[in-house]
């Protein structure tokens, strides 16, 4: 299981992160290329962009579940203390109601 205290510094702030257990297999970058990138210099993957919509959230969860060494965490802090799923529900409803 990923450990927030062992996350790489190049992860962008937010819920998802990659920690020091990463073996640079790049599976997460293949599954969710909009959200994960490879640090070629240091030899590990990292979260380059937090999910911006429900589809990206799904792919990040798939990447997390597929990680062979469980180096992807999703318990990072969110701005304002909201849950990511709650934010997406609000976003989805806002789009449906024509607010966004």
PDB file of N, CA and C in Angstrom:
ATOM      1  N   UNK A   1       0.837  -1.174   0.000  1.00  0.00           N
ATOM      2  CA  UNK A   1       0.000   0.000   0.000  1.00  0.00           C
ATOM      3  C   UNK A   1       0.888   1.245   0.000  1.00  0.00           C
ATOM      4  N   UNK A   2       0.520   2.209  -0.826  1.00  0.00           N
ATOM      5  CA  UNK A   2       1.294   3.440  -0.939  1.00  0.00           C
ATOM      6  C   UNK A   2       1.264   4.223   0.375  1.00  0.00           C
ATOM      7  N   UNK A   3       2.340   4.965   0.604  1.00  0.00           N
ATOM      8  CA  UNK A   3       2.498   5.725   1.844  1.00  0.00           C
ATOM      9  C   UNK A   3       2.703   7.195   1.505  1.00  0.00           C
ATOM     10  N   UNK A   4       1.776   8.042   1.934  1.00  0.00           N
ATOM     11  CA  UNK A   4       1.828   9.481   1.666  1.00  0.00           C
ATOM     12  C   UNK A   4       3.168  10.079   2.083  1.00  0.00           C
ATOM     13  N   UNK A   5       3.726   9.617   3.192  1.00  0.00           N
ATOM     14  CA  UNK A   5       4.988  10.186   3.693  1.00  0.00           C
ATOM     15  C   UNK A   5       6.182   9.810   2.815  1.00  0.00           C
ATOM     16  N   UNK A   6       6.005   8.832   1.913  1.00  0.00           N
ATOM     17  CA  UNK A   6       7.094   8.394   1.030  1.00  0.00           C
ATOM     18  C   UNK A   6       6.858   8.804  -0.424  1.00  0.00           C
ATOM     19  N   UNK A   7       5.932   9.717  -0.654  1.00  0.00           N
ATOM     20  CA  UNK A   7       5.614  10.146  -2.020  1.00  0.00           C
ATOM     21  C   UNK A   7       6.780  10.919  -2.631  1.00  0.00           C
ATOM     22  N   UNK A   8       6.879  10.853  -3.952  1.00  0.00           N
ATOM     23  CA  UNK A   8       7.900  11.617  -4.662  1.00  0.00           C
ATOM     24  C   UNK A   8       7.510  13.090  -4.674  1.00  0.00           C
ATOM     25  N   UNK A   9       8.495  13.959  -4.611  1.00  0.00           N
ATOM     26  CA  UNK A   9       8.251  15.396  -4.587  1.00  0.00           C
ATOM     27  C   UNK A   9       7.707  15.923  -5.908  1.00  0.00           C
ATOM     28  N   UNK A  10       7.924  15.187  -7.004  1.00  0.00           N
ATOM     29  CA  UNK A  10       7.437  15.695  -8.285  1.00  0.00           C
ATOM     30  C   UNK A  10       5.958  15.391  -8.546  1.00  0.00           C
ATOM     31  N   UNK A  11       5.279  14.694  -7.630  1.00  0.00           N
ATOM     32  CA  UNK A  11       3.825  14.554  -7.732  1.00  0.00           C
ATOM     33  C   UNK A  11       3.186  15.927  -7.562  1.00  0.00           C
ATOM     34  N   UNK A  12       2.183  16.231  -8.371  1.00  0.00           N
ATOM     35  CA  UNK A  12       1.442  17.472  -8.162  1.00  0.00           C
ATOM     36  C   UNK A  12       0.560  17.295  -6.925  1.00  0.00           C
ATOM     37  N   UNK A  13       0.269  18.366  -6.218  1.00  0.00           N
ATOM     38  CA  UNK A  13      -0.554  18.254  -5.010  1.00  0.00           C
ATOM     39  C   UNK A  13      -1.944  17.701  -5.327  1.00  0.00           C
ATOM     40  N   UNK A  14      -2.457  16.912  -4.403  1.00  0.00           N
ATOM     41  CA  UNK A  14      -3.803  16.383  -4.565  1.00  0.00           C
ATOM     42  C   UNK A  14      -3.940  14.961  -4.066  1.00  0.00           C
ATOM     43  N   UNK A  15      -5.047  14.382  -4.392  1.00  0.00           N
ATOM     44  CA  UNK A  15      -5.430  13.074  -3.879  1.00  0.00           C
ATOM     45  C   UNK A  15      -4.494  11.939  -4.310  1.00  0.00           C
ATOM     46  N   UNK A  16      -4.183  11.851  -5.593  1.00  0.00           N
ATOM     47  CA  UNK A  16      -3.357  10.753  -6.102  1.00  0.00           C
ATOM     48  C   UNK A  16      -1.875  11.106  -6.027  1.00  0.00           C
ATOM     49  N   UNK A  17      -1.043  10.099  -5.791  1.00  0.00           N
ATOM     50  CA  UNK A  17       0.413  10.271  -5.734  1.00  0.00           C
ATOM     51  C   UNK A  17       1.093   8.930  -5.979  1.00  0.00           C
ATOM     52  N   UNK A  18       2.383   8.977  -6.307  1.00  0.00           N
ATOM     53  CA  UNK A  18       3.215   7.783  -6.456  1.00  0.00           C
ATOM     54  C   UNK A  18       4.295   7.870  -5.385  1.00  0.00           C
ATOM     55  N   UNK A  19       4.559   6.753  -4.705  1.00  0.00           N
ATOM     56  CA  UNK A  19       5.574   6.776  -3.659  1.00  0.00           C
ATOM     57  C   UNK A  19       6.841   6.029  -4.073  1.00  0.00           C
ATOM     58  N   UNK A  20       7.774   5.934  -3.153  1.00  0.00           N
ATOM     59  CA  UNK A  20       9.108   5.391  -3.419  1.00  0.00           C
ATOM     60  C   UNK A  20       9.134   3.908  -3.760  1.00  0.00           C
ATOM     61  N   UNK A  21       8.015   3.217  -3.653  1.00  0.00           N
ATOM     62  CA  UNK A  21       7.966   1.802  -4.026  1.00  0.00           C
ATOM     63  C   UNK A  21       7.929   1.613  -5.544  1.00  0.00           C
ATOM     64  N   UNK A  22       7.730   2.689  -6.290  1.00  0.00           N
ATOM     65  CA  UNK A  22       7.615   2.615  -7.748  1.00  0.00           C
ATOM     66  C   UNK A  22       8.844   1.952  -8.369  1.00  0.00           C
ATOM     67  N   UNK A  23       8.600   1.030  -9.300  1.00  0.00           N
ATOM     68  CA  UNK A  23       9.685   0.330  -9.990  1.00  0.00           C
ATOM     69  C   UNK A  23       9.835   0.795 -11.437  1.00  0.00           C
ATOM     70  N   UNK A  24       9.183   1.901 -11.779  1.00  0.00           N
ATOM     71  CA  UNK A  24       9.288   2.502 -13.109  1.00  0.00           C
ATOM     72  C   UNK A  24       8.836   1.555 -14.215  1.00  0.00           C
ATOM     73  N   UNK A  25       7.743   0.846 -13.972  1.00  0.00           N
ATOM     74  CA  UNK A  25       7.217  -0.038 -15.018  1.00  0.00           C
ATOM     75  C   UNK A  25       6.400   0.752 -16.040  1.00  0.00           C
ATOM     76  N   UNK A  26       5.981   1.953 -15.676  1.00  0.00           N
ATOM     77  CA  UNK A  26       5.225   2.873 -16.528  1.00  0.00           C
ATOM     78  C   UNK A  26       3.821   2.390 -16.877  1.00  0.00           C
ATOM     79  N   UNK A  27       3.326   1.385 -16.183  1.00  0.00           N
ATOM     80  CA  UNK A  27       1.980   0.906 -16.435  1.00  0.00           C
ATOM     81  C   UNK A  27       0.956   2.017 -16.176  1.00  0.00           C
ATOM     82  N   UNK A  28       1.155   2.785 -15.108  1.00  0.00           N
ATOM     83  CA  UNK A  28       0.212   3.868 -14.809  1.00  0.00           C
ATOM     84  C   UNK A  28       0.205   4.920 -15.912  1.00  0.00           C
ATOM     85  N   UNK A  29       1.371   5.210 -16.462  1.00  0.00           N
ATOM     86  CA  UNK A  29       1.463   6.191 -17.549  1.00  0.00           C
ATOM     87  C   UNK A  29       0.800   5.687 -18.824  1.00  0.00           C
ATOM     88  N   UNK A  30       0.766   4.377 -18.990  1.00  0.00           N
ATOM     89  CA  UNK A  30       0.076   3.797 -20.142  1.00  0.00           C
ATOM     90  C   UNK A  30      -1.438   3.814 -19.942  1.00  0.00           C
ATOM     91  N   UNK A  31      -1.871   3.545 -18.719  1.00  0.00           N
ATOM     92  CA  UNK A  31      -3.304   3.506 -18.426  1.00  0.00           C
ATOM     93  C   UNK A  31      -3.906   4.908 -18.390  1.00  0.00           C
ATOM     94  N   UNK A  32      -3.202   5.834 -17.748  1.00  0.00           N
ATOM     95  CA  UNK A  32      -3.724   7.197 -17.578  1.00  0.00           C
ATOM     96  C   UNK A  32      -2.660   8.226 -17.982  1.00  0.00           C
ATOM     97  N   UNK A  33      -2.374   8.331 -19.276  1.00  0.00           N
ATOM     98  CA  UNK A  33      -1.293   9.206 -19.737  1.00  0.00           C
ATOM     99  C   UNK A  33      -1.527  10.696 -19.485  1.00  0.00           C
ATOM    100  N   UNK A  34      -2.766  11.098 -19.278  1.00  0.00           N
ATOM    101  CA  UNK A  34      -3.058  12.505 -18.982  1.00  0.00           C
ATOM    102  C   UNK A  34      -2.712  12.852 -17.536  1.00  0.00           C
ATOM    103  N   UNK A  35      -2.519  11.820 -16.694  1.00  0.00           N
ATOM    104  CA  UNK A  35      -2.336  12.044 -15.265  1.00  0.00           C
ATOM    105  C   UNK A  35      -0.999  11.574 -14.701  1.00  0.00           C
ATOM    106  N   UNK A  36      -0.381  10.614 -15.357  1.00  0.00           N
ATOM    107  CA  UNK A  36       0.899  10.082 -14.882  1.00  0.00           C
ATOM    108  C   UNK A  36       1.980  10.321 -15.926  1.00  0.00           C
ATOM    109  N   UNK A  37       3.180  10.601 -15.460  1.00  0.00           N
ATOM    110  CA  UNK A  37       4.334  10.797 -16.343  1.00  0.00           C
ATOM    111  C   UNK A  37       5.529  10.058 -15.755  1.00  0.00           C
ATOM    112  N   UNK A  38       6.579   9.931 -16.568  1.00  0.00           N
ATOM    113  CA  UNK A  38       7.797   9.250 -16.145  1.00  0.00           C
ATOM    114  C   UNK A  38       8.887  10.282 -15.894  1.00  0.00           C
ATOM    115  N   UNK A  39       9.550  10.153 -14.774  1.00  0.00           N
ATOM    116  CA  UNK A  39      10.722  10.961 -14.481  1.00  0.00           C
ATOM    117  C   UNK A  39      11.916  10.125 -14.959  1.00  0.00           C
ATOM    118  N   UNK A  40      12.398  10.419 -16.147  1.00  0.00           N
ATOM    119  CA  UNK A  40      13.481   9.626 -16.740  1.00  0.00           C
ATOM    120  C   UNK A  40      14.788   9.759 -15.971  1.00  0.00           C
ATOM    121  N   UNK A  41      15.032  10.922 -15.425  1.00  0.00           N
ATOM    122  CA  UNK A  41      16.284  11.148 -14.691  1.00  0.00           C
ATOM    123  C   UNK A  41      16.363  10.292 -13.427  1.00  0.00           C
ATOM    124  N   UNK A  42      15.235  10.220 -12.694  1.00  0.00           N
ATOM    125  CA  UNK A  42      15.243   9.494 -11.420  1.00  0.00           C
ATOM    126  C   UNK A  42      14.661   8.088 -11.523  1.00  0.00           C
ATOM    127  N   UNK A  43      14.071   7.768 -12.671  1.00  0.00           N
ATOM    128  CA  UNK A  43      13.585   6.408 -12.894  1.00  0.00           C
ATOM    129  C   UNK A  43      12.348   6.030 -12.100  1.00  0.00           C
ATOM    130  N   UNK A  44      11.319   6.866 -12.173  1.00  0.00           N
ATOM    131  CA  UNK A  44      10.055   6.523 -11.532  1.00  0.00           C
ATOM    132  C   UNK A  44       8.921   7.294 -12.197  1.00  0.00           C
ATOM    133  N   UNK A  45       7.719   6.812 -11.999  1.00  0.00           N
ATOM    134  CA  UNK A  45       6.527   7.514 -12.465  1.00  0.00           C
ATOM    135  C   UNK A  45       6.064   8.470 -11.376  1.00  0.00           C
ATOM    136  N   UNK A  46       5.209   9.419 -11.744  1.00  0.00           N
ATOM    137  CA  UNK A  46       4.657  10.366 -10.780  1.00  0.00           C
ATOM    138  C   UNK A  46       3.349  10.919 -11.325  1.00  0.00           C
ATOM    139  N   UNK A  47       2.558  11.516 -10.453  1.00  0.00           N
ATOM    140  CA  UNK A  47       1.310  12.140 -10.874  1.00  0.00           C
ATOM    141  C   UNK A  47       1.643  13.533 -11.389  1.00  0.00           C
ATOM    142  N   UNK A  48       1.434  13.725 -12.674  1.00  0.00           N
ATOM    143  CA  UNK A  48       1.749  15.004 -13.305  1.00  0.00           C
ATOM    144  C   UNK A  48       0.530  15.920 -13.382  1.00  0.00           C
ATOM    145  N   UNK A  49      -0.671  15.346 -13.239  1.00  0.00           N
ATOM    146  CA  UNK A  49      -1.907  16.126 -13.277  1.00  0.00           C
ATOM    147  C   UNK A  49      -2.984  15.333 -12.533  1.00  0.00           C
ATOM    148  N   UNK A  50      -3.583  15.941 -11.553  1.00  0.00           N
ATOM    149  CA  UNK A  50      -4.683  15.280 -10.848  1.00  0.00           C
ATOM    150  C   UNK A  50      -5.870  15.148 -11.810  1.00  0.00           C
ATOM    151  N   UNK A  51      -6.715  14.142 -11.603  1.00  0.00           N
ATOM    152  CA  UNK A  51      -7.859  13.961 -12.492  1.00  0.00           C
ATOM    153  C   UNK A  51      -8.750  15.204 -12.526  1.00  0.00           C
ATOM    154  N   UNK A  52      -9.171  15.564 -13.743  1.00  0.00           N
ATOM    155  CA  UNK A  52      -9.991  16.763 -13.938  1.00  0.00           C
ATOM    156  C   UNK A  52     -11.445  16.448 -14.247  1.00  0.00           C
ATOM    157  N   UNK A  53     -11.729  15.167 -14.413  1.00  0.00           N
ATOM    158  CA  UNK A  53     -13.111  14.766 -14.710  1.00  0.00           C
ATOM    159  C   UNK A  53     -13.301  13.308 -14.280  1.00  0.00           C
ATOM    160  N   UNK A  54     -14.518  12.841 -14.393  1.00  0.00           N
ATOM    161  CA  UNK A  54     -14.850  11.488 -13.932  1.00  0.00           C
ATOM    162  C   UNK A  54     -14.082  10.413 -14.691  1.00  0.00           C
ATOM    163  N   UNK A  55     -13.872  10.604 -15.982  1.00  0.00           N
ATOM    164  CA  UNK A  55     -13.140   9.606 -16.778  1.00  0.00           C
ATOM    165  C   UNK A  55     -11.693   9.497 -16.306  1.00  0.00           C
ATOM    166  N   UNK A  56     -11.036  10.625 -16.089  1.00  0.00           N
ATOM    167  CA  UNK A  56      -9.655  10.602 -15.597  1.00  0.00           C
ATOM    168  C   UNK A  56      -9.594   9.995 -14.193  1.00  0.00           C
ATOM    169  N   UNK A  57     -10.580  10.256 -13.378  1.00  0.00           N
ATOM    170  CA  UNK A  57     -10.650   9.657 -12.038  1.00  0.00           C
ATOM    171  C   UNK A  57     -10.714   8.127 -12.165  1.00  0.00           C
ATOM    172  N   UNK A  58     -11.545   7.643 -13.065  1.00  0.00           N
ATOM    173  CA  UNK A  58     -11.659   6.197 -13.318  1.00  0.00           C
ATOM    174  C   UNK A  58     -10.313   5.601 -13.733  1.00  0.00           C
ATOM    175  N   UNK A  59      -9.629   6.279 -14.655  1.00  0.00           N
ATOM    176  CA  UNK A  59      -8.345   5.772 -15.146  1.00  0.00           C
ATOM    177  C   UNK A  59      -7.280   5.798 -14.055  1.00  0.00           C
ATOM    178  N   UNK A  60      -7.293   6.813 -13.200  1.00  0.00           N
ATOM    179  CA  UNK A  60      -6.339   6.858 -12.088  1.00  0.00           C
ATOM    180  C   UNK A  60      -6.589   5.714 -11.110  1.00  0.00           C
ATOM    181  N   UNK A  61      -7.852   5.427 -10.855  1.00  0.00           N
ATOM    182  CA  UNK A  61      -8.189   4.292  -9.986  1.00  0.00           C
ATOM    183  C   UNK A  61      -7.754   2.980 -10.626  1.00  0.00           C
ATOM    184  N   UNK A  62      -7.945   2.855 -11.942  1.00  0.00           N
ATOM    185  CA  UNK A  62      -7.502   1.649 -12.650  1.00  0.00           C
ATOM    186  C   UNK A  62      -5.983   1.512 -12.561  1.00  0.00           C
ATOM    187  N   UNK A  63      -5.269   2.616 -12.734  1.00  0.00           N
ATOM    188  CA  UNK A  63      -3.810   2.591 -12.616  1.00  0.00           C
ATOM    189  C   UNK A  63      -3.402   2.164 -11.212  1.00  0.00           C
ATOM    190  N   UNK A  64      -4.091   2.699 -10.209  1.00  0.00           N
ATOM    191  CA  UNK A  64      -3.788   2.343  -8.824  1.00  0.00           C
ATOM    192  C   UNK A  64      -3.999   0.848  -8.585  1.00  0.00           C
ATOM    193  N   UNK A  65      -5.111   0.323  -9.060  1.00  0.00           N
ATOM    194  CA  UNK A  65      -5.420  -1.093  -8.870  1.00  0.00           C
ATOM    195  C   UNK A  65      -4.482  -2.003  -9.663  1.00  0.00           C
ATOM    196  N   UNK A  66      -3.927  -1.503 -10.758  1.00  0.00           N
ATOM    197  CA  UNK A  66      -3.059  -2.305 -11.625  1.00  0.00           C
ATOM    198  C   UNK A  66      -1.586  -2.252 -11.219  1.00  0.00           C
ATOM    199  N   UNK A  67      -1.217  -1.317 -10.365  1.00  0.00           N
ATOM    200  CA  UNK A  67       0.194  -1.150  -9.993  1.00  0.00           C
ATOM    201  C   UNK A  67       0.726  -2.423  -9.331  1.00  0.00           C
ATOM    202  N   UNK A  68       1.779  -3.029  -9.899  1.00  0.00           N
ATOM    203  CA  UNK A  68       2.268  -4.304  -9.368  1.00  0.00           C
ATOM    204  C   UNK A  68       2.916  -4.208  -7.991  1.00  0.00           C
ATOM    205  N   UNK A  69       3.322  -3.012  -7.572  1.00  0.00           N
ATOM    206  CA  UNK A  69       3.962  -2.848  -6.265  1.00  0.00           C
ATOM    207  C   UNK A  69       3.158  -1.932  -5.331  1.00  0.00           C
ATOM    208  N   UNK A  70       1.928  -1.615  -5.728  1.00  0.00           N
ATOM    209  CA  UNK A  70       1.031  -0.782  -4.921  1.00  0.00           C
ATOM    210  C   UNK A  70       1.670   0.555  -4.527  1.00  0.00           C
ATOM    211  N   UNK A  71       2.308   1.195  -5.504  1.00  0.00           N
ATOM    212  CA  UNK A  71       3.002   2.455  -5.250  1.00  0.00           C
ATOM    213  C   UNK A  71       2.133   3.685  -5.488  1.00  0.00           C
ATOM    214  N   UNK A  72       0.887   3.497  -5.882  1.00  0.00           N
ATOM    215  CA  UNK A  72      -0.012   4.621  -6.147  1.00  0.00           C
ATOM    216  C   UNK A  72      -1.003   4.740  -5.006  1.00  0.00           C
ATOM    217  N   UNK A  73      -1.021   5.927  -4.422  1.00  0.00           N
ATOM    218  CA  UNK A  73      -1.958   6.196  -3.338  1.00  0.00           C
ATOM    219  C   UNK A  73      -3.040   7.158  -3.783  1.00  0.00           C
ATOM    220  N   UNK A  74      -4.159   7.138  -3.059  1.00  0.00           N
ATOM    221  CA  UNK A  74      -5.256   8.060  -3.365  1.00  0.00           C
ATOM    222  C   UNK A  74      -5.799   8.700  -2.096  1.00  0.00           C
ATOM    223  N   UNK A  75      -4.968   8.740  -1.073  1.00  0.00           N
ATOM    224  CA  UNK A  75      -5.401   9.314   0.193  1.00  0.00           C
ATOM    225  C   UNK A  75      -4.727  10.648   0.493  1.00  0.00           C
ATOM    226  N   UNK A  76      -4.256  11.308  -0.559  1.00  0.00           N
ATOM    227  CA  UNK A  76      -3.649  12.618  -0.383  1.00  0.00           C
ATOM    228  C   UNK A  76      -4.689  13.672  -0.064  1.00  0.00           C
ATOM    229  N   UNK A  77      -4.252  14.799   0.495  1.00  0.00           N
ATOM    230  CA  UNK A  77      -5.201  15.850   0.880  1.00  0.00           C
ATOM    231  C   UNK A  77      -5.778  16.578  -0.327  1.00  0.00           C
ATOM    232  N   UNK A  78      -6.978  17.018  -0.168  1.00  0.00           N
ATOM    233  CA  UNK A  78      -7.649  17.810  -1.190  1.00  0.00           C
ATOM    234  C   UNK A  78      -7.813  19.226  -0.675  1.00  0.00           C
ATOM    235  N   UNK A  79      -7.850  20.172  -1.569  1.00  0.00           N
ATOM    236  CA  UNK A  79      -8.085  21.562  -1.173  1.00  0.00           C
ATOM    237  C   UNK A  79      -9.477  21.688  -0.590  1.00  0.00           C
ATOM    238  N   UNK A  80      -9.589  22.402   0.494  1.00  0.00           N
ATOM    239  CA  UNK A  80     -10.888  22.652   1.100  1.00  0.00           C
ATOM    240  C   UNK A  80     -11.491  21.461   1.821  1.00  0.00           C
ATOM    241  N   UNK A  81     -10.767  20.345   1.875  1.00  0.00           N
ATOM    242  CA  UNK A  81     -11.236  19.185   2.609  1.00  0.00           C
ATOM    243  C   UNK A  81     -12.336  18.388   1.915  1.00  0.00           C
ATOM    244  N   UNK A  82     -12.685  18.727   0.689  1.00  0.00           N
ATOM    245  CA  UNK A  82     -13.730  17.988  -0.026  1.00  0.00           C
ATOM    246  C   UNK A  82     -13.175  16.681  -0.553  1.00  0.00           C
ATOM    247  N   UNK A  83     -14.031  15.729  -0.749  1.00  0.00           N
ATOM    248  CA  UNK A  83     -13.584  14.484  -1.357  1.00  0.00           C
ATOM    249  C   UNK A  83     -13.599  14.643  -2.861  1.00  0.00           C
ATOM    250  N   UNK A  84     -12.728  13.928  -3.525  1.00  0.00           N
ATOM    251  CA  UNK A  84     -12.673  14.007  -4.982  1.00  0.00           C
ATOM    252  C   UNK A  84     -13.983  13.531  -5.593  1.00  0.00           C
ATOM    253  N   UNK A  85     -14.542  12.463  -5.054  1.00  0.00           N
ATOM    254  CA  UNK A  85     -15.789  11.961  -5.629  1.00  0.00           C
ATOM    255  C   UNK A  85     -16.896  12.996  -5.479  1.00  0.00           C
ATOM    256  N   UNK A  86     -16.925  13.692  -4.357  1.00  0.00           N
ATOM    257  CA  UNK A  86     -17.914  14.746  -4.161  1.00  0.00           C
ATOM    258  C   UNK A  86     -17.717  15.873  -5.146  1.00  0.00           C
ATOM    259  N   UNK A  87     -16.472  16.217  -5.417  1.00  0.00           N
ATOM    260  CA  UNK A  87     -16.190  17.283  -6.378  1.00  0.00           C
ATOM    261  C   UNK A  87     -16.675  16.890  -7.763  1.00  0.00           C
ATOM    262  N   UNK A  88     -16.484  15.637  -8.153  1.00  0.00           N
ATOM    263  CA  UNK A  88     -16.920  15.201  -9.474  1.00  0.00           C
ATOM    264  C   UNK A  88     -18.434  15.127  -9.558  1.00  0.00           C
ATOM    265  N   UNK A  89     -19.080  14.735  -8.473  1.00  0.00           N
ATOM    266  CA  UNK A  89     -20.538  14.718  -8.475  1.00  0.00           C
ATOM    267  C   UNK A  89     -21.046  16.136  -8.689  1.00  0.00           C
ATOM    268  N   UNK A  90     -20.466  17.103  -7.980  1.00  0.00           N
ATOM    269  CA  UNK A  90     -20.862  18.494  -8.158  1.00  0.00           C
ATOM    270  C   UNK A  90     -20.614  18.934  -9.596  1.00  0.00           C
ATOM    271  N   UNK A  91     -19.440  18.605 -10.123  1.00  0.00           N
ATOM    272  CA  UNK A  91     -19.102  18.992 -11.487  1.00  0.00           C
ATOM    273  C   UNK A  91     -20.099  18.392 -12.474  1.00  0.00           C
ATOM    274  N   UNK A  92     -20.356  17.094 -12.334  1.00  0.00           N
ATOM    275  CA  UNK A  92     -21.279  16.422 -13.245  1.00  0.00           C
ATOM    276  C   UNK A  92     -22.664  17.062 -13.188  1.00  0.00           C
ATOM    277  N   UNK A  93     -23.161  17.354 -12.002  1.00  0.00           N
ATOM    278  CA  UNK A  93     -24.477  17.963 -11.865  1.00  0.00           C
ATOM    279  C   UNK A  93     -24.473  19.375 -12.430  1.00  0.00           C
ATOM    280  N   UNK A  94     -23.377  20.098 -12.230  1.00  0.00           N
ATOM    281  CA  UNK A  94     -23.273  21.454 -12.757  1.00  0.00           C
ATOM    282  C   UNK A  94     -23.320  21.451 -14.277  1.00  0.00           C
ATOM    283  N   UNK A  95     -22.657  20.494 -14.888  1.00  0.00           N
ATOM    284  CA  UNK A  95     -22.658  20.398 -16.351  1.00  0.00           C
ATOM    285  C   UNK A  95     -24.055  20.046 -16.827  1.00  0.00           C
ATOM    286  N   UNK A  96     -24.692  19.090 -16.164  1.00  0.00           N
ATOM    287  CA  UNK A  96     -26.030  18.683 -16.551  1.00  0.00           C
ATOM    288  C   UNK A  96     -27.027  19.838 -16.442  1.00  0.00           C
ATOM    289  N   UNK A  97     -26.802  20.699 -15.467  1.00  0.00           N
ATOM    290  CA  UNK A  97     -27.708  21.827 -15.253  1.00  0.00           C
ATOM    291  C   UNK A  97     -27.296  23.061 -16.040  1.00  0.00           C
ATOM    292  N   UNK A  98     -26.220  22.949 -16.821  1.00  0.00           N
ATOM    293  CA  UNK A  98     -25.763  24.058 -17.653  1.00  0.00           C
ATOM    294  C   UNK A  98     -25.061  25.156 -16.885  1.00  0.00           C
ATOM    295  N   UNK A  99     -24.547  24.836 -15.700  1.00  0.00           N
ATOM    296  CA  UNK A  99     -23.892  25.845 -14.859  1.00  0.00           C
ATOM    297  C   UNK A  99     -22.431  26.064 -15.248  1.00  0.00           C
ATOM    298  N   UNK A 100     -21.834  25.106 -15.935  1.00  0.00           N
ATOM    299  CA  UNK A 100     -20.404  25.204 -16.259  1.00  0.00           C
ATOM    300  C   UNK A 100     -20.237  25.444 -17.741  1.00  0.00           C
TER     301      UNK A 100
END
